[in-house]
């Protein structure tokens, strides 16, 4: 699979841009609808520049929410963040090919699987509508669970959204590298 040159994004169809976004981020109609209208107006020299631009749009979403919280903006944010799969999701969960590869380091014993499931539940109870998003990057389950525990104990809902958006963009950049995109 290869991604198109980012310099021609403004010429691509909506379906072609959705393909790019679905491969960099997790498939999410809400995210693609927000980003495509912005993307079509700009030229990008690299995927790094493109992903940074996407990050700025996501940052605006959380800043707008902080200044003018509304149920509809909260729902939009939750749809984007929850498009990512839960870490250590059961094998019956359909994961994108990218997520399957990224979460390989999270496989382990039944005890660790249970602990990760409990942490996911605790996280989602504290931060309603969100899924814990982290750039796994080959880190062990123990390291990820430590990060998760720290965020559960020390973060707020809006900070978690900001962290999730940053992590999503780190994941997207890593995926672009793996797909040999022009960085």
C-alpha atoms as a PDB file:
ATOM      1  CA  UNK A   1       0.000   0.000   0.000  1.00  0.00           C
ATOM      2  CA  UNK A   2       1.240   3.483  -0.706  1.00  0.00           C
ATOM      3  CA  UNK A   3      -0.058   6.893   0.104  1.00  0.00           C
ATOM      4  CA  UNK A   4      -0.312   9.709  -2.436  1.00  0.00           C
ATOM      5  CA  UNK A   5       2.078  12.630  -2.423  1.00  0.00           C
ATOM      6  CA  UNK A   6       0.713  15.202   0.048  1.00  0.00           C
ATOM      7  CA  UNK A   7       1.382  17.981  -2.472  1.00  0.00           C
ATOM      8  CA  UNK A   8      -1.607  16.781  -4.487  1.00  0.00           C
ATOM      9  CA  UNK A   9      -4.125  16.413  -1.643  1.00  0.00           C
ATOM     10  CA  UNK A  10      -6.056  19.462  -2.811  1.00  0.00           C
ATOM     11  CA  UNK A  11      -6.740  17.623  -6.104  1.00  0.00           C
ATOM     12  CA  UNK A  12      -7.937  14.364  -4.557  1.00  0.00           C
ATOM     13  CA  UNK A  13     -11.546  13.273  -4.269  1.00  0.00           C
ATOM     14  CA  UNK A  14     -13.254  12.909  -0.907  1.00  0.00           C
ATOM     15  CA  UNK A  15     -12.915   9.099  -1.145  1.00  0.00           C
ATOM     16  CA  UNK A  16      -9.187   9.356  -1.859  1.00  0.00           C
ATOM     17  CA  UNK A  17      -8.690  11.675   1.114  1.00  0.00           C
ATOM     18  CA  UNK A  18     -10.742   9.349   3.320  1.00  0.00           C
ATOM     19  CA  UNK A  19      -8.379   6.531   2.299  1.00  0.00           C
ATOM     20  CA  UNK A  20      -5.389   8.601   3.451  1.00  0.00           C
ATOM     21  CA  UNK A  21      -7.026   9.634   6.728  1.00  0.00           C
ATOM     22  CA  UNK A  22      -8.312   6.109   7.464  1.00  0.00           C
ATOM     23  CA  UNK A  23      -4.785   4.753   7.083  1.00  0.00           C
ATOM     24  CA  UNK A  24      -3.117   7.413   9.197  1.00  0.00           C
ATOM     25  CA  UNK A  25      -5.800   7.689  11.866  1.00  0.00           C
ATOM     26  CA  UNK A  26      -8.456   5.098  12.631  1.00  0.00           C
ATOM     27  CA  UNK A  27     -11.468   5.185  10.296  1.00  0.00           C
ATOM     28  CA  UNK A  28     -13.810   7.851  11.660  1.00  0.00           C
ATOM     29  CA  UNK A  29     -16.431   9.632   9.578  1.00  0.00           C
ATOM     30  CA  UNK A  30     -16.591  12.514  12.062  1.00  0.00           C
ATOM     31  CA  UNK A  31     -12.855  13.118  11.839  1.00  0.00           C
ATOM     32  CA  UNK A  32     -12.742  12.864   8.054  1.00  0.00           C
ATOM     33  CA  UNK A  33     -15.694  15.233   7.665  1.00  0.00           C
ATOM     34  CA  UNK A  34     -13.941  17.829   9.829  1.00  0.00           C
ATOM     35  CA  UNK A  35     -10.511  17.473   8.270  1.00  0.00           C
ATOM     36  CA  UNK A  36     -11.384  17.135   4.582  1.00  0.00           C
ATOM     37  CA  UNK A  37     -12.907  20.594   4.310  1.00  0.00           C
ATOM     38  CA  UNK A  38      -9.677  22.065   5.700  1.00  0.00           C
ATOM     39  CA  UNK A  39      -7.304  19.816   3.760  1.00  0.00           C
ATOM     40  CA  UNK A  40      -8.759  20.723   0.374  1.00  0.00           C
ATOM     41  CA  UNK A  41      -7.765  24.376   0.952  1.00  0.00           C
ATOM     42  CA  UNK A  42      -4.040  23.741   1.496  1.00  0.00           C
ATOM     43  CA  UNK A  43      -0.946  22.344  -0.142  1.00  0.00           C
ATOM     44  CA  UNK A  44       1.344  20.205   1.969  1.00  0.00           C
ATOM     45  CA  UNK A  45       4.999  19.513   1.284  1.00  0.00           C
ATOM     46  CA  UNK A  46       5.193  16.444   3.512  1.00  0.00           C
ATOM     47  CA  UNK A  47       3.177  14.104   5.676  1.00  0.00           C
ATOM     48  CA  UNK A  48       4.842  15.642   8.713  1.00  0.00           C
ATOM     49  CA  UNK A  49       3.465  19.043   7.718  1.00  0.00           C
ATOM     50  CA  UNK A  50       0.075  17.511   6.930  1.00  0.00           C
ATOM     51  CA  UNK A  51      -0.196  15.693  10.268  1.00  0.00           C
ATOM     52  CA  UNK A  52       0.877  18.829  12.144  1.00  0.00           C
ATOM     53  CA  UNK A  53      -1.901  20.676  10.336  1.00  0.00           C
ATOM     54  CA  UNK A  54      -4.414  17.992  11.352  1.00  0.00           C
ATOM     55  CA  UNK A  55      -3.144  18.318  14.916  1.00  0.00           C
ATOM     56  CA  UNK A  56      -3.808  22.078  14.823  1.00  0.00           C
ATOM     57  CA  UNK A  57      -7.419  21.428  13.760  1.00  0.00           C
ATOM     58  CA  UNK A  58      -7.846  18.918  16.598  1.00  0.00           C
ATOM     59  CA  UNK A  59      -6.285  21.386  19.041  1.00  0.00           C
ATOM     60  CA  UNK A  60      -8.825  24.009  17.941  1.00  0.00           C
ATOM     61  CA  UNK A  61     -11.621  21.528  18.691  1.00  0.00           C
ATOM     62  CA  UNK A  62     -10.530  21.027  22.290  1.00  0.00           C
ATOM     63  CA  UNK A  63      -9.784  24.732  22.800  1.00  0.00           C
ATOM     64  CA  UNK A  64     -13.247  25.642  21.491  1.00  0.00           C
ATOM     65  CA  UNK A  65     -14.757  23.059  23.809  1.00  0.00           C
ATOM     66  CA  UNK A  66     -12.875  24.450  26.805  1.00  0.00           C
ATOM     67  CA  UNK A  67     -14.072  27.976  26.026  1.00  0.00           C
ATOM     68  CA  UNK A  68     -17.633  27.067  25.028  1.00  0.00           C
ATOM     69  CA  UNK A  69     -18.516  23.583  26.259  1.00  0.00           C
ATOM     70  CA  UNK A  70     -21.553  22.090  24.583  1.00  0.00           C
ATOM     71  CA  UNK A  71     -23.029  18.636  24.350  1.00  0.00           C
ATOM     72  CA  UNK A  72     -22.617  18.561  20.567  1.00  0.00           C
ATOM     73  CA  UNK A  73     -18.911  19.498  20.640  1.00  0.00           C
ATOM     74  CA  UNK A  74     -18.348  16.947  23.412  1.00  0.00           C
ATOM     75  CA  UNK A  75     -20.071  14.266  21.311  1.00  0.00           C
ATOM     76  CA  UNK A  76     -17.922  15.182  18.296  1.00  0.00           C
ATOM     77  CA  UNK A  77     -14.759  14.887  20.367  1.00  0.00           C
ATOM     78  CA  UNK A  78     -15.873  11.558  21.853  1.00  0.00           C
ATOM     79  CA  UNK A  79     -16.585  10.107  18.393  1.00  0.00           C
ATOM     80  CA  UNK A  80     -13.081  11.028  17.231  1.00  0.00           C
ATOM     81  CA  UNK A  81     -11.256   9.688  20.288  1.00  0.00           C
ATOM     82  CA  UNK A  82     -13.359   6.544  20.593  1.00  0.00           C
ATOM     83  CA  UNK A  83     -12.628   5.592  16.963  1.00  0.00           C
ATOM     84  CA  UNK A  84      -9.390   4.150  18.358  1.00  0.00           C
ATOM     85  CA  UNK A  85      -9.685   0.607  19.689  1.00  0.00           C
ATOM     86  CA  UNK A  86      -9.253  -0.215  23.343  1.00  0.00           C
ATOM     87  CA  UNK A  87      -5.777  -1.374  24.223  1.00  0.00           C
ATOM     88  CA  UNK A  88      -5.675  -5.116  24.594  1.00  0.00           C
ATOM     89  CA  UNK A  89      -9.108  -5.423  22.996  1.00  0.00           C
ATOM     90  CA  UNK A  90     -10.432  -9.008  22.869  1.00  0.00           C
ATOM     91  CA  UNK A  91      -9.512 -11.029  19.792  1.00  0.00           C
ATOM     92  CA  UNK A  92     -13.156 -10.844  18.732  1.00  0.00           C
ATOM     93  CA  UNK A  93     -12.818  -7.070  18.269  1.00  0.00           C
ATOM     94  CA  UNK A  94     -12.214  -5.970  14.698  1.00  0.00           C
ATOM     95  CA  UNK A  95      -9.009  -3.922  14.607  1.00  0.00           C
ATOM     96  CA  UNK A  96      -7.511  -2.152  11.647  1.00  0.00           C
ATOM     97  CA  UNK A  97      -4.401  -3.825  10.280  1.00  0.00           C
ATOM     98  CA  UNK A  98      -2.363  -0.946  11.682  1.00  0.00           C
ATOM     99  CA  UNK A  99      -3.833  -1.331  15.184  1.00  0.00           C
ATOM    100  CA  UNK A 100      -3.244  -5.087  15.140  1.00  0.00           C
ATOM    101  CA  UNK A 101       0.441  -4.556  14.395  1.00  0.00           C
ATOM    102  CA  UNK A 102       0.821  -1.722  16.891  1.00  0.00           C
ATOM    103  CA  UNK A 103      -0.740  -3.675  19.747  1.00  0.00           C
ATOM    104  CA  UNK A 104       1.311  -6.851  19.311  1.00  0.00           C
ATOM    105  CA  UNK A 105       3.503  -5.930  22.286  1.00  0.00           C
ATOM    106  CA  UNK A 106       0.419  -5.878  24.502  1.00  0.00           C
ATOM    107  CA  UNK A 107      -0.277  -9.605  24.339  1.00  0.00           C
ATOM    108  CA  UNK A 108       0.405 -11.459  27.536  1.00  0.00           C
ATOM    109  CA  UNK A 109      -0.938 -13.664  30.300  1.00  0.00           C
ATOM    110  CA  UNK A 110      -4.598 -13.895  31.237  1.00  0.00           C
ATOM    111  CA  UNK A 111      -3.802 -11.968  34.442  1.00  0.00           C
ATOM    112  CA  UNK A 112      -2.309  -9.055  32.485  1.00  0.00           C
ATOM    113  CA  UNK A 113      -5.216  -9.123  30.042  1.00  0.00           C
ATOM    114  CA  UNK A 114      -7.649  -8.898  32.951  1.00  0.00           C
ATOM    115  CA  UNK A 115      -5.674  -6.029  34.525  1.00  0.00           C
ATOM    116  CA  UNK A 116      -5.658  -4.101  31.245  1.00  0.00           C
ATOM    117  CA  UNK A 117      -9.409  -4.678  30.863  1.00  0.00           C
ATOM    118  CA  UNK A 118      -9.980  -3.341  34.392  1.00  0.00           C
ATOM    119  CA  UNK A 119      -7.837  -0.277  33.685  1.00  0.00           C
ATOM    120  CA  UNK A 120      -9.779   0.390  30.467  1.00  0.00           C
ATOM    121  CA  UNK A 121     -13.038   0.199  32.421  1.00  0.00           C
ATOM    122  CA  UNK A 122     -11.696   2.482  35.157  1.00  0.00           C
ATOM    123  CA  UNK A 123     -10.417   4.967  32.575  1.00  0.00           C
ATOM    124  CA  UNK A 124     -13.710   5.029  30.683  1.00  0.00           C
ATOM    125  CA  UNK A 125     -15.673   5.497  33.899  1.00  0.00           C
ATOM    126  CA  UNK A 126     -13.543   8.485  34.915  1.00  0.00           C
ATOM    127  CA  UNK A 127     -13.467   9.974  31.391  1.00  0.00           C
ATOM    128  CA  UNK A 128     -16.925   9.248  29.924  1.00  0.00           C
ATOM    129  CA  UNK A 129     -17.023   8.902  26.154  1.00  0.00           C
ATOM    130  CA  UNK A 130     -13.264   8.524  25.779  1.00  0.00           C
ATOM    131  CA  UNK A 131     -11.030   5.562  25.002  1.00  0.00           C
ATOM    132  CA  UNK A 132      -7.487   5.502  26.378  1.00  0.00           C
ATOM    133  CA  UNK A 133      -5.227   6.443  23.462  1.00  0.00           C
ATOM    134  CA  UNK A 134      -1.465   6.085  23.652  1.00  0.00           C
ATOM    135  CA  UNK A 135       1.274   5.676  21.061  1.00  0.00           C
ATOM    136  CA  UNK A 136       2.327   2.159  22.055  1.00  0.00           C
ATOM    137  CA  UNK A 137       5.547   2.264  19.988  1.00  0.00           C
ATOM    138  CA  UNK A 138       6.676  -1.186  21.143  1.00  0.00           C
ATOM    139  CA  UNK A 139       6.341  -0.397  24.867  1.00  0.00           C
ATOM    140  CA  UNK A 140       5.479  -3.286  27.140  1.00  0.00           C
ATOM    141  CA  UNK A 141       2.101  -3.864  28.716  1.00  0.00           C
ATOM    142  CA  UNK A 142       3.535  -2.923  32.109  1.00  0.00           C
ATOM    143  CA  UNK A 143       4.821   0.407  30.786  1.00  0.00           C
ATOM    144  CA  UNK A 144       1.485   1.161  29.111  1.00  0.00           C
ATOM    145  CA  UNK A 145      -0.476   0.229  32.243  1.00  0.00           C
ATOM    146  CA  UNK A 146       1.752   2.524  34.320  1.00  0.00           C
ATOM    147  CA  UNK A 147       0.997   5.408  31.932  1.00  0.00           C
ATOM    148  CA  UNK A 148      -2.676   4.541  32.058  1.00  0.00           C
ATOM    149  CA  UNK A 149      -2.739   4.448  35.861  1.00  0.00           C
ATOM    150  CA  UNK A 150      -0.947   7.822  36.043  1.00  0.00           C
ATOM    151  CA  UNK A 151      -3.412   9.433  33.642  1.00  0.00           C
ATOM    152  CA  UNK A 152      -6.412   8.000  35.507  1.00  0.00           C
ATOM    153  CA  UNK A 153      -5.118   9.413  38.778  1.00  0.00           C
ATOM    154  CA  UNK A 154      -3.782  12.773  37.589  1.00  0.00           C
ATOM    155  CA  UNK A 155      -5.671  13.989  34.539  1.00  0.00           C
ATOM    156  CA  UNK A 156      -8.926  15.710  33.635  1.00  0.00           C
ATOM    157  CA  UNK A 157     -11.379  14.977  30.834  1.00  0.00           C
ATOM    158  CA  UNK A 158     -10.249  17.867  28.639  1.00  0.00           C
ATOM    159  CA  UNK A 159      -6.564  17.128  29.280  1.00  0.00           C
ATOM    160  CA  UNK A 160      -7.191  13.528  28.233  1.00  0.00           C
ATOM    161  CA  UNK A 161      -8.727  14.735  24.986  1.00  0.00           C
ATOM    162  CA  UNK A 162      -5.682  16.893  24.307  1.00  0.00           C
ATOM    163  CA  UNK A 163      -3.357  13.985  25.106  1.00  0.00           C
ATOM    164  CA  UNK A 164      -5.420  11.624  22.931  1.00  0.00           C
ATOM    165  CA  UNK A 165      -5.279  14.017  19.975  1.00  0.00           C
ATOM    166  CA  UNK A 166      -1.503  14.369  20.359  1.00  0.00           C
ATOM    167  CA  UNK A 167      -1.091  10.593  20.622  1.00  0.00           C
ATOM    168  CA  UNK A 168      -3.302  10.075  17.567  1.00  0.00           C
ATOM    169  CA  UNK A 169      -1.036  12.384  15.573  1.00  0.00           C
ATOM    170  CA  UNK A 170       2.098  10.584  16.821  1.00  0.00           C
ATOM    171  CA  UNK A 171       0.516   7.312  15.709  1.00  0.00           C
ATOM    172  CA  UNK A 172      -0.372   8.839  12.324  1.00  0.00           C
ATOM    173  CA  UNK A 173       3.199  10.015  11.776  1.00  0.00           C
ATOM    174  CA  UNK A 174       4.516   6.558  12.654  1.00  0.00           C
ATOM    175  CA  UNK A 175       2.058   4.960  10.246  1.00  0.00           C
ATOM    176  CA  UNK A 176       3.118   7.369   7.501  1.00  0.00           C
ATOM    177  CA  UNK A 177       6.752   6.351   8.074  1.00  0.00           C
ATOM    178  CA  UNK A 178       5.839   2.672   7.877  1.00  0.00           C
ATOM    179  CA  UNK A 179       3.952   3.294   4.642  1.00  0.00           C
ATOM    180  CA  UNK A 180       7.029   5.008   3.186  1.00  0.00           C
ATOM    181  CA  UNK A 181       5.186   8.276   2.786  1.00  0.00           C
ATOM    182  CA  UNK A 182       7.009  11.499   1.986  1.00  0.00           C
ATOM    183  CA  UNK A 183       7.902  12.851   5.419  1.00  0.00           C
END
